[in-house]
Amino acid sequence: GQKKEAKDCPPSDGKFPFAAATIIGGTIYVKADESDADCVELKSLGGHNMTALQQAAKTACGAPGEWKLKFMESLSAVFEMGGLENWPSFQDEDTRIAYGYNESVGTTEVTEAKMKKILECWRYGCGCKQAETQLWSKITFVAGIVIALAFITKDWLQTQKREKKKRSKEEKEARKADKAAKKESKE
């Protein structure tokens, strides 16, 4: 079949519902307000489950591989192009949106201030503990690789040194044997 051309995404309305958010794997963690203790796993937004939201972010517009970027930086466009309802229109007074987390439901205000913060921090975890855990895992993994490489390098250098010593000893013995052979042939 023919590949469908991706539609361009409309510009974002510049608003976001969460004060902190990060994506780890395919899971989105959010904090509705700065005063919240920590980020929680987002289960639904505007009455839509995460599968529907992720599918809309992947297929509604733009490149499919950029769903995380679209979700975090153009959420209004994801709702609009994905045919999802309940994104606040901002013509009326209600600028809140319902969201589900863990086994609870809450509402949060969608604001420009939250969008500014998210644009600065979502790639780095926005202070969510879940992202810090992932960061420490990566640091530990990299440190393990560095240590392993150091041991491999040390072992390789020791092997090279032993080989050089062995060759040097063999060359010395060969010279000695040559000298002895020359001495015998002279006599």
N, C-alpha and C. Protein backbone atom coordinates (compact mmCIF):
# COMPACT_ATOMS: atom_id res chain seq x y z
N GLY A 1 0.80 -1.18 0.00
CA GLY A 1 0.00 0.00 0.00
C GLY A 1 0.84 1.25 0.00
N GLN A 2 0.14 2.33 -0.31
CA GLN A 2 0.78 3.64 -0.33
C GLN A 2 0.83 4.23 1.06
N LYS A 3 1.91 4.89 1.37
CA LYS A 3 2.07 5.52 2.68
C LYS A 3 1.25 6.80 2.73
N LYS A 4 0.45 6.94 3.82
CA LYS A 4 -0.34 8.16 3.98
C LYS A 4 0.57 9.31 4.41
N GLU A 5 0.38 10.46 3.80
CA GLU A 5 1.14 11.66 4.17
C GLU A 5 0.60 12.20 5.48
N ALA A 6 1.47 12.44 6.43
CA ALA A 6 1.05 12.96 7.74
C ALA A 6 0.58 14.40 7.60
N LYS A 7 -0.56 14.69 8.26
CA LYS A 7 -1.07 16.07 8.26
C LYS A 7 -0.24 16.91 9.21
N ASP A 8 -0.08 18.18 8.87
CA ASP A 8 0.61 19.09 9.79
C ASP A 8 -0.28 19.32 11.00
N CYS A 9 0.34 19.44 12.14
CA CYS A 9 -0.41 19.71 13.37
C CYS A 9 -0.75 21.20 13.43
N PRO A 10 -1.95 21.53 13.91
CA PRO A 10 -2.26 22.94 14.12
C PRO A 10 -1.41 23.46 15.28
N PRO A 11 -1.22 24.76 15.36
CA PRO A 11 -0.42 25.28 16.47
C PRO A 11 -1.09 24.98 17.81
N SER A 12 -0.27 24.82 18.82
CA SER A 12 -0.77 24.58 20.17
C SER A 12 -1.47 25.84 20.68
N ASP A 13 -2.42 25.67 21.59
CA ASP A 13 -3.06 26.84 22.20
C ASP A 13 -2.17 27.43 23.29
N GLY A 14 -1.02 26.80 23.53
CA GLY A 14 -0.06 27.32 24.50
C GLY A 14 -0.44 27.06 25.95
N LYS A 15 -1.30 26.07 26.16
CA LYS A 15 -1.75 25.77 27.53
C LYS A 15 -1.54 24.28 27.83
N PHE A 16 -1.36 23.97 29.13
CA PHE A 16 -1.12 22.59 29.55
C PHE A 16 -1.78 22.39 30.91
N PRO A 17 -2.27 21.17 31.19
CA PRO A 17 -2.99 20.96 32.45
C PRO A 17 -2.15 20.60 33.67
N PHE A 18 -0.87 20.33 33.49
CA PHE A 18 -0.09 19.83 34.62
C PHE A 18 1.13 20.71 34.90
N ALA A 19 1.43 20.86 36.19
CA ALA A 19 2.58 21.68 36.61
C ALA A 19 3.89 20.93 36.41
N ALA A 20 3.82 19.61 36.39
CA ALA A 20 5.00 18.78 36.14
C ALA A 20 4.54 17.55 35.38
N ALA A 21 5.36 17.07 34.47
CA ALA A 21 5.03 15.87 33.71
C ALA A 21 6.30 15.30 33.10
N THR A 22 6.31 13.99 32.96
CA THR A 22 7.42 13.32 32.29
C THR A 22 6.89 12.02 31.70
N ILE A 23 7.59 11.51 30.71
CA ILE A 23 7.21 10.24 30.09
C ILE A 23 8.38 9.29 30.27
N ILE A 24 8.10 8.14 30.86
CA ILE A 24 9.11 7.11 31.05
C ILE A 24 8.58 5.86 30.37
N GLY A 25 9.30 5.43 29.32
CA GLY A 25 8.77 4.34 28.50
C GLY A 25 7.54 4.90 27.81
N GLY A 26 6.42 4.27 27.98
CA GLY A 26 5.17 4.79 27.43
C GLY A 26 4.25 5.32 28.51
N THR A 27 4.75 5.42 29.73
CA THR A 27 3.92 5.84 30.87
C THR A 27 4.15 7.32 31.15
N ILE A 28 3.04 8.04 31.33
CA ILE A 28 3.11 9.48 31.60
C ILE A 28 2.84 9.70 33.09
N TYR A 29 3.73 10.46 33.72
CA TYR A 29 3.59 10.82 35.13
C TYR A 29 3.36 12.31 35.22
N VAL A 30 2.41 12.72 36.06
CA VAL A 30 2.03 14.14 36.14
C VAL A 30 1.85 14.59 37.58
N LYS A 31 1.94 15.90 37.75
CA LYS A 31 1.63 16.57 39.01
C LYS A 31 0.73 17.73 38.62
N ALA A 32 -0.51 17.74 39.13
CA ALA A 32 -1.47 18.77 38.74
C ALA A 32 -1.03 20.16 39.18
N ASP A 33 -0.53 20.27 40.40
CA ASP A 33 -0.10 21.56 40.94
C ASP A 33 1.25 21.40 41.62
N GLU A 34 1.98 22.50 41.73
CA GLU A 34 3.28 22.49 42.39
C GLU A 34 3.18 21.98 43.83
N SER A 35 2.04 22.21 44.47
CA SER A 35 1.87 21.82 45.87
C SER A 35 1.69 20.31 46.05
N ASP A 36 1.41 19.57 44.97
CA ASP A 36 1.25 18.12 45.08
C ASP A 36 2.57 17.49 45.51
N ALA A 37 2.47 16.43 46.32
CA ALA A 37 3.67 15.78 46.86
C ALA A 37 4.57 15.22 45.77
N ASP A 38 4.03 14.44 44.87
CA ASP A 38 4.85 13.86 43.80
C ASP A 38 3.99 13.57 42.58
N CYS A 39 4.64 13.21 41.52
CA CYS A 39 3.94 12.87 40.28
C CYS A 39 3.24 11.53 40.43
N VAL A 40 2.11 11.40 39.74
CA VAL A 40 1.34 10.16 39.74
C VAL A 40 1.17 9.70 38.30
N GLU A 41 0.92 8.42 38.12
CA GLU A 41 0.72 7.89 36.77
C GLU A 41 -0.61 8.38 36.22
N LEU A 42 -0.57 9.01 35.05
CA LEU A 42 -1.78 9.51 34.40
C LEU A 42 -2.52 8.34 33.76
N LYS A 43 -3.80 8.18 34.12
CA LYS A 43 -4.61 7.08 33.59
C LYS A 43 -5.60 7.55 32.53
N SER A 44 -6.05 8.82 32.66
CA SER A 44 -7.00 9.37 31.68
C SER A 44 -6.94 10.88 31.72
N LEU A 45 -7.41 11.49 30.65
CA LEU A 45 -7.46 12.95 30.57
C LEU A 45 -8.67 13.34 29.73
N GLY A 46 -9.51 14.20 30.28
CA GLY A 46 -10.70 14.65 29.56
C GLY A 46 -11.65 13.51 29.23
N GLY A 47 -11.65 12.47 30.05
CA GLY A 47 -12.54 11.33 29.83
C GLY A 47 -11.98 10.31 28.84
N HIS A 48 -10.77 10.51 28.37
CA HIS A 48 -10.15 9.58 27.42
C HIS A 48 -9.04 8.80 28.11
N ASN A 49 -9.02 7.47 27.87
CA ASN A 49 -7.96 6.67 28.50
C ASN A 49 -6.64 6.91 27.78
N MET A 50 -5.56 6.44 28.37
CA MET A 50 -4.23 6.72 27.83
C MET A 50 -4.01 6.09 26.46
N THR A 51 -4.62 4.95 26.21
CA THR A 51 -4.47 4.31 24.90
C THR A 51 -5.02 5.23 23.82
N ALA A 52 -6.21 5.79 24.05
CA ALA A 52 -6.82 6.70 23.07
C ALA A 52 -5.98 7.97 22.90
N LEU A 53 -5.48 8.50 24.01
CA LEU A 53 -4.65 9.72 23.94
C LEU A 53 -3.34 9.46 23.19
N GLN A 54 -2.69 8.35 23.50
CA GLN A 54 -1.43 8.04 22.82
C GLN A 54 -1.67 7.76 21.34
N GLN A 55 -2.75 7.06 21.03
CA GLN A 55 -3.07 6.78 19.63
C GLN A 55 -3.32 8.08 18.87
N ALA A 56 -4.05 9.00 19.49
CA ALA A 56 -4.30 10.30 18.85
C ALA A 56 -2.99 11.05 18.65
N ALA A 57 -2.11 11.00 19.64
CA ALA A 57 -0.82 11.70 19.53
C ALA A 57 0.04 11.09 18.43
N LYS A 58 -0.09 9.78 18.23
CA LYS A 58 0.72 9.09 17.22
C LYS A 58 0.19 9.29 15.81
N THR A 59 -1.12 9.36 15.65
CA THR A 59 -1.70 9.31 14.30
C THR A 59 -2.43 10.57 13.84
N ALA A 60 -2.80 11.45 14.75
CA ALA A 60 -3.63 12.59 14.36
C ALA A 60 -2.93 13.52 13.39
N CYS A 61 -1.69 13.83 13.65
CA CYS A 61 -0.94 14.75 12.80
C CYS A 61 0.54 14.63 13.10
N GLY A 62 1.35 15.13 12.19
CA GLY A 62 2.80 15.11 12.40
C GLY A 62 3.38 13.71 12.30
N ALA A 63 4.66 13.59 12.58
CA ALA A 63 5.36 12.30 12.49
C ALA A 63 4.93 11.37 13.61
N PRO A 64 4.62 10.10 13.29
CA PRO A 64 4.15 9.16 14.30
C PRO A 64 5.15 8.92 15.43
N GLY A 65 6.43 8.98 15.14
CA GLY A 65 7.45 8.72 16.15
C GLY A 65 7.60 9.83 17.18
N GLU A 66 6.91 10.94 16.96
CA GLU A 66 7.06 12.09 17.86
C GLU A 66 5.87 12.26 18.79
N TRP A 67 5.20 11.15 19.15
CA TRP A 67 3.99 11.27 19.95
C TRP A 67 4.25 11.92 21.31
N LYS A 68 5.41 11.64 21.92
CA LYS A 68 5.70 12.22 23.24
C LYS A 68 5.83 13.73 23.14
N LEU A 69 6.54 14.17 22.12
CA LEU A 69 6.71 15.61 21.87
C LEU A 69 5.35 16.27 21.64
N LYS A 70 4.51 15.66 20.80
CA LYS A 70 3.18 16.23 20.52
C LYS A 70 2.33 16.26 21.79
N PHE A 71 2.38 15.18 22.57
CA PHE A 71 1.57 15.14 23.79
C PHE A 71 1.99 16.25 24.74
N MET A 72 3.26 16.43 24.94
CA MET A 72 3.75 17.41 25.91
C MET A 72 3.69 18.85 25.40
N GLU A 73 3.95 19.06 24.12
CA GLU A 73 4.08 20.43 23.63
C GLU A 73 2.90 20.91 22.79
N SER A 74 2.01 20.01 22.39
CA SER A 74 0.85 20.41 21.56
C SER A 74 -0.38 19.59 21.94
N LEU A 75 -0.66 19.48 23.22
CA LEU A 75 -1.76 18.64 23.68
C LEU A 75 -3.10 19.09 23.12
N SER A 76 -3.30 20.39 22.98
CA SER A 76 -4.56 20.87 22.41
C SER A 76 -4.72 20.38 20.97
N ALA A 77 -3.62 20.33 20.21
CA ALA A 77 -3.66 19.85 18.83
C ALA A 77 -3.96 18.35 18.78
N VAL A 78 -3.45 17.61 19.75
CA VAL A 78 -3.72 16.17 19.82
C VAL A 78 -5.22 15.96 20.03
N PHE A 79 -5.83 16.73 20.93
CA PHE A 79 -7.27 16.63 21.15
C PHE A 79 -8.03 17.01 19.89
N GLU A 80 -7.65 18.14 19.28
CA GLU A 80 -8.35 18.64 18.10
C GLU A 80 -8.24 17.68 16.92
N MET A 81 -7.03 17.31 16.55
CA MET A 81 -6.82 16.48 15.36
C MET A 81 -7.21 15.02 15.60
N GLY A 82 -7.17 14.59 16.86
CA GLY A 82 -7.54 13.22 17.19
C GLY A 82 -9.04 13.04 17.37
N GLY A 83 -9.80 14.12 17.21
CA GLY A 83 -11.25 14.03 17.36
C GLY A 83 -11.67 13.78 18.81
N LEU A 84 -10.81 14.14 19.74
CA LEU A 84 -11.11 13.94 21.16
C LEU A 84 -11.82 15.17 21.71
N GLU A 85 -12.81 14.94 22.53
CA GLU A 85 -13.58 16.05 23.10
C GLU A 85 -13.07 16.39 24.50
N ASN A 86 -13.61 17.48 25.03
CA ASN A 86 -13.41 17.91 26.41
C ASN A 86 -12.14 18.72 26.66
N TRP A 87 -11.44 19.16 25.62
CA TRP A 87 -10.35 20.10 25.85
C TRP A 87 -10.99 21.46 26.08
N PRO A 88 -10.64 22.19 27.14
CA PRO A 88 -11.28 23.48 27.42
C PRO A 88 -11.16 24.43 26.22
N SER A 89 -12.28 25.09 25.90
CA SER A 89 -12.29 25.97 24.73
C SER A 89 -11.80 27.38 25.06
N PHE A 90 -11.83 27.75 26.32
CA PHE A 90 -11.38 29.05 26.80
C PHE A 90 -12.29 30.20 26.37
N GLN A 91 -13.40 29.89 25.69
CA GLN A 91 -14.39 30.92 25.44
C GLN A 91 -15.29 31.03 26.68
N ASP A 92 -15.44 29.91 27.36
CA ASP A 92 -16.27 29.92 28.57
C ASP A 92 -15.38 30.00 29.80
N GLU A 93 -16.00 30.06 30.94
CA GLU A 93 -15.27 30.25 32.20
C GLU A 93 -14.46 29.02 32.62
N ASP A 94 -14.95 27.83 32.28
CA ASP A 94 -14.31 26.61 32.79
C ASP A 94 -13.05 26.27 32.02
N THR A 95 -11.93 26.40 32.67
CA THR A 95 -10.65 26.06 32.04
C THR A 95 -10.04 24.85 32.74
N ARG A 96 -10.91 24.02 33.32
CA ARG A 96 -10.43 22.83 34.03
C ARG A 96 -10.70 21.59 33.18
N ILE A 97 -9.88 20.58 33.40
CA ILE A 97 -10.07 19.31 32.69
C ILE A 97 -9.94 18.18 33.70
N ALA A 98 -10.75 17.16 33.53
CA ALA A 98 -10.71 16.01 34.44
C ALA A 98 -9.56 15.08 34.04
N TYR A 99 -8.95 14.49 35.06
CA TYR A 99 -7.90 13.51 34.78
C TYR A 99 -7.97 12.38 35.80
N GLY A 100 -7.58 11.22 35.37
CA GLY A 100 -7.56 10.06 36.26
C GLY A 100 -6.13 9.68 36.59
N TYR A 101 -5.91 9.30 37.83
CA TYR A 101 -4.58 8.88 38.26
C TYR A 101 -4.74 7.82 39.33
N ASN A 102 -3.80 6.88 39.35
CA ASN A 102 -3.88 5.75 40.28
C ASN A 102 -5.32 5.24 40.29
N GLU A 103 -6.00 5.29 41.41
CA GLU A 103 -7.41 4.86 41.45
C GLU A 103 -8.32 6.06 41.73
N SER A 104 -7.87 7.26 41.41
CA SER A 104 -8.62 8.48 41.73
C SER A 104 -8.89 9.30 40.48
N VAL A 105 -9.74 10.32 40.68
CA VAL A 105 -10.04 11.27 39.61
C VAL A 105 -9.95 12.66 40.20
N GLY A 106 -9.45 13.60 39.43
CA GLY A 106 -9.37 14.98 39.89
C GLY A 106 -9.59 15.91 38.71
N THR A 107 -9.55 17.20 38.98
CA THR A 107 -9.60 18.18 37.90
C THR A 107 -8.42 19.12 38.10
N THR A 108 -7.98 19.67 37.01
CA THR A 108 -6.85 20.59 37.05
C THR A 108 -7.08 21.72 36.06
N GLU A 109 -6.58 22.87 36.38
CA GLU A 109 -6.72 24.03 35.50
C GLU A 109 -5.67 23.96 34.39
N VAL A 110 -6.10 24.27 33.18
CA VAL A 110 -5.22 24.30 32.01
C VAL A 110 -4.75 25.74 31.84
N THR A 111 -3.43 25.97 31.94
CA THR A 111 -2.92 27.35 31.92
C THR A 111 -1.68 27.50 31.04
N GLU A 112 -1.40 28.76 30.69
CA GLU A 112 -0.18 29.08 29.94
C GLU A 112 1.05 28.94 30.84
N ALA A 113 0.92 29.28 32.12
CA ALA A 113 2.06 29.18 33.05
C ALA A 113 2.55 27.73 33.15
N LYS A 114 1.61 26.79 33.19
CA LYS A 114 1.99 25.38 33.26
C LYS A 114 2.69 24.96 31.97
N MET A 115 2.22 25.47 30.83
CA MET A 115 2.86 25.13 29.56
C MET A 115 4.30 25.63 29.52
N LYS A 116 4.52 26.86 30.00
CA LYS A 116 5.89 27.41 30.03
C LYS A 116 6.82 26.50 30.83
N LYS A 117 6.35 26.06 31.98
CA LYS A 117 7.16 25.19 32.84
C LYS A 117 7.42 23.85 32.16
N ILE A 118 6.39 23.27 31.57
CA ILE A 118 6.53 21.96 30.92
C ILE A 118 7.52 22.03 29.77
N LEU A 119 7.45 23.09 28.98
CA LEU A 119 8.37 23.22 27.85
C LEU A 119 9.83 23.21 28.31
N GLU A 120 10.07 23.72 29.51
CA GLU A 120 11.44 23.77 30.05
C GLU A 120 11.90 22.44 30.64
N CYS A 121 10.96 21.65 31.17
CA CYS A 121 11.44 20.53 31.99
C CYS A 121 10.97 19.12 31.63
N TRP A 122 10.00 18.94 30.75
CA TRP A 122 9.44 17.59 30.60
C TRP A 122 10.47 16.56 30.15
N ARG A 123 11.43 16.97 29.35
CA ARG A 123 12.45 16.01 28.88
C ARG A 123 13.39 15.58 30.01
N TYR A 124 13.45 16.38 31.07
CA TYR A 124 14.37 16.12 32.17
C TYR A 124 13.67 15.63 33.43
N GLY A 125 12.38 15.35 33.33
CA GLY A 125 11.65 14.76 34.45
C GLY A 125 10.85 15.71 35.31
N CYS A 126 11.03 17.01 35.18
CA CYS A 126 10.26 18.01 35.94
C CYS A 126 10.24 17.73 37.44
N GLY A 127 11.27 17.11 37.95
CA GLY A 127 11.31 16.83 39.39
C GLY A 127 10.50 15.63 39.83
N CYS A 128 9.95 14.86 38.89
CA CYS A 128 9.20 13.65 39.26
C CYS A 128 10.17 12.59 39.76
N LYS A 129 9.83 11.96 40.89
CA LYS A 129 10.70 10.92 41.46
C LYS A 129 10.90 9.76 40.48
N GLN A 130 9.88 9.47 39.68
CA GLN A 130 9.98 8.36 38.73
C GLN A 130 11.12 8.60 37.74
N ALA A 131 11.31 9.84 37.33
CA ALA A 131 12.39 10.17 36.39
C ALA A 131 13.75 10.10 37.08
N GLU A 132 13.79 10.48 38.36
CA GLU A 132 15.05 10.42 39.11
C GLU A 132 15.51 8.98 39.24
N THR A 133 14.58 8.07 39.49
CA THR A 133 14.91 6.65 39.59
C THR A 133 15.50 6.17 38.28
N GLN A 134 14.89 6.58 37.18
CA GLN A 134 15.39 6.17 35.87
C GLN A 134 16.79 6.75 35.64
N LEU A 135 17.01 7.98 36.06
CA LEU A 135 18.31 8.61 35.88
C LEU A 135 19.38 7.86 36.67
N TRP A 136 19.08 7.52 37.93
CA TRP A 136 20.05 6.77 38.73
C TRP A 136 20.32 5.41 38.14
N SER A 137 19.31 4.78 37.56
CA SER A 137 19.51 3.49 36.91
C SER A 137 20.48 3.64 35.75
N LYS A 138 20.30 4.69 34.96
CA LYS A 138 21.20 4.93 33.82
C LYS A 138 22.62 5.22 34.30
N ILE A 139 22.75 6.03 35.34
CA ILE A 139 24.07 6.36 35.87
C ILE A 139 24.76 5.09 36.37
N THR A 140 24.02 4.25 37.09
CA THR A 140 24.58 3.00 37.60
C THR A 140 25.01 2.10 36.45
N PHE A 141 24.18 2.01 35.42
CA PHE A 141 24.48 1.19 34.25
C PHE A 141 25.76 1.67 33.57
N VAL A 142 25.84 2.97 33.33
CA VAL A 142 27.03 3.54 32.67
C VAL A 142 28.27 3.33 33.54
N ALA A 143 28.14 3.53 34.84
CA ALA A 143 29.28 3.31 35.74
C ALA A 143 29.73 1.86 35.68
N GLY A 144 28.80 0.93 35.62
CA GLY A 144 29.14 -0.49 35.50
C GLY A 144 29.90 -0.78 34.23
N ILE A 145 29.47 -0.18 33.13
CA ILE A 145 30.16 -0.38 31.85
C ILE A 145 31.57 0.20 31.92
N VAL A 146 31.70 1.39 32.49
CA VAL A 146 33.02 2.02 32.60
C VAL A 146 33.96 1.15 33.43
N ILE A 147 33.47 0.62 34.54
CA ILE A 147 34.29 -0.24 35.39
C ILE A 147 34.69 -1.51 34.65
N ALA A 148 33.72 -2.11 33.95
CA ALA A 148 34.02 -3.32 33.18
C ALA A 148 35.07 -3.04 32.11
N LEU A 149 34.92 -1.93 31.41
CA LEU A 149 35.91 -1.56 30.38
C LEU A 149 37.28 -1.32 31.00
N ALA A 150 37.32 -0.74 32.18
CA ALA A 150 38.60 -0.50 32.86
C ALA A 150 39.28 -1.84 33.17
N PHE A 151 38.51 -2.81 33.67
CA PHE A 151 39.10 -4.12 33.97
C PHE A 151 39.55 -4.83 32.69
N ILE A 152 38.75 -4.74 31.64
CA ILE A 152 39.13 -5.36 30.37
C ILE A 152 40.41 -4.73 29.84
N THR A 153 40.50 -3.41 29.90
CA THR A 153 41.69 -2.70 29.43
C THR A 153 42.90 -3.09 30.27
N LYS A 154 42.74 -3.14 31.58
CA LYS A 154 43.84 -3.52 32.48
C LYS A 154 44.32 -4.93 32.13
N ASP A 155 43.38 -5.84 31.96
CA ASP A 155 43.72 -7.22 31.63
C ASP A 155 44.45 -7.29 30.28
N TRP A 156 43.96 -6.55 29.31
CA TRP A 156 44.57 -6.53 27.98
C TRP A 156 46.00 -5.99 28.07
N LEU A 157 46.19 -4.91 28.83
CA LEU A 157 47.53 -4.33 28.98
C LEU A 157 48.48 -5.31 29.67
N GLN A 158 47.99 -6.02 30.69
CA GLN A 158 48.83 -7.02 31.36
C GLN A 158 49.20 -8.15 30.40
N THR A 159 48.24 -8.58 29.59
CA THR A 159 48.50 -9.62 28.60
C THR A 159 49.55 -9.14 27.60
N GLN A 160 49.41 -7.91 27.14
CA GLN A 160 50.39 -7.35 26.19
C GLN A 160 51.78 -7.30 26.82
N LYS A 161 51.85 -6.92 28.09
CA LYS A 161 53.13 -6.83 28.79
C LYS A 161 53.76 -8.22 28.90
N ARG A 162 52.94 -9.24 29.26
CA ARG A 162 53.45 -10.61 29.36
C ARG A 162 53.94 -11.11 28.00
N GLU A 163 53.17 -10.81 26.96
CA GLU A 163 53.55 -11.23 25.60
C GLU A 163 54.88 -10.59 25.20
N LYS A 164 55.03 -9.31 25.50
CA LYS A 164 56.25 -8.58 25.14
C LYS A 164 57.44 -9.18 25.90
N LYS A 165 57.23 -9.46 27.18
CA LYS A 165 58.28 -10.06 28.01
C LYS A 165 58.68 -11.43 27.45
N LYS A 166 57.66 -12.21 27.07
CA LYS A 166 57.89 -13.55 26.53
C LYS A 166 58.68 -13.45 25.22
N ARG A 167 58.27 -12.53 24.32
CA ARG A 167 58.97 -12.34 23.04
C ARG A 167 60.41 -11.90 23.29
N SER A 168 60.58 -10.98 24.22
CA SER A 168 61.91 -10.47 24.54
C SER A 168 62.79 -11.61 25.04
N LYS A 169 62.24 -12.46 25.90
CA LYS A 169 62.99 -13.59 26.44
C LYS A 169 63.35 -14.56 25.32
N GLU A 170 62.37 -14.84 24.42
CA GLU A 170 62.62 -15.75 23.30
C GLU A 170 63.69 -15.18 22.37
N GLU A 171 63.62 -13.87 22.10
CA GLU A 171 64.62 -13.23 21.23
C GLU A 171 66.00 -13.31 21.87
N LYS A 172 66.06 -13.10 23.18
CA LYS A 172 67.33 -13.16 23.91
C LYS A 172 67.92 -14.57 23.82
N GLU A 173 67.06 -15.57 24.02
CA GLU A 173 67.51 -16.96 23.93
C GLU A 173 67.96 -17.29 22.51
N ALA A 174 67.25 -16.77 21.51
CA ALA A 174 67.62 -17.01 20.11
C ALA A 174 68.98 -16.38 19.81
N ARG A 175 69.20 -15.17 20.30
CA ARG A 175 70.50 -14.52 20.08
C ARG A 175 71.62 -15.32 20.76
N LYS A 176 71.33 -15.80 21.95
CA LYS A 176 72.30 -16.61 22.69
C LYS A 176 72.64 -17.87 21.89
N ALA A 177 71.59 -18.51 21.37
CA ALA A 177 71.77 -19.73 20.58
C ALA A 177 72.56 -19.42 19.31
N ASP A 178 72.25 -18.28 18.65
CA ASP A 178 72.99 -17.87 17.45
C ASP A 178 74.46 -17.65 17.79
N LYS A 179 74.71 -16.97 18.89
CA LYS A 179 76.08 -16.69 19.32
C LYS A 179 76.83 -18.00 19.56
N ALA A 180 76.15 -18.92 20.26
CA ALA A 180 76.77 -20.22 20.56
C ALA A 180 77.03 -20.99 19.26
N ALA A 181 76.10 -20.92 18.32
CA ALA A 181 76.26 -21.62 17.04
C ALA A 181 77.41 -21.02 16.25
N LYS A 182 77.54 -19.70 16.25
CA LYS A 182 78.63 -19.03 15.54
C LYS A 182 79.96 -19.39 16.18
N LYS A 183 79.98 -19.45 17.50
CA LYS A 183 81.19 -19.78 18.23
C LYS A 183 81.64 -21.20 17.88
N GLU A 184 80.67 -22.13 17.82
CA GLU A 184 80.97 -23.52 17.49
C GLU A 184 81.48 -23.64 16.06
N SER A 185 80.88 -22.89 15.14
CA SER A 185 81.30 -22.98 13.75
C SER A 185 82.70 -22.41 13.55
N LYS A 186 83.12 -21.47 14.37
CA LYS A 186 84.46 -20.89 14.29
C LYS A 186 85.49 -21.90 14.79
N GLU A 187 85.11 -22.70 15.75
CA GLU A 187 86.07 -23.65 16.33
C GLU A 187 86.19 -24.83 15.49
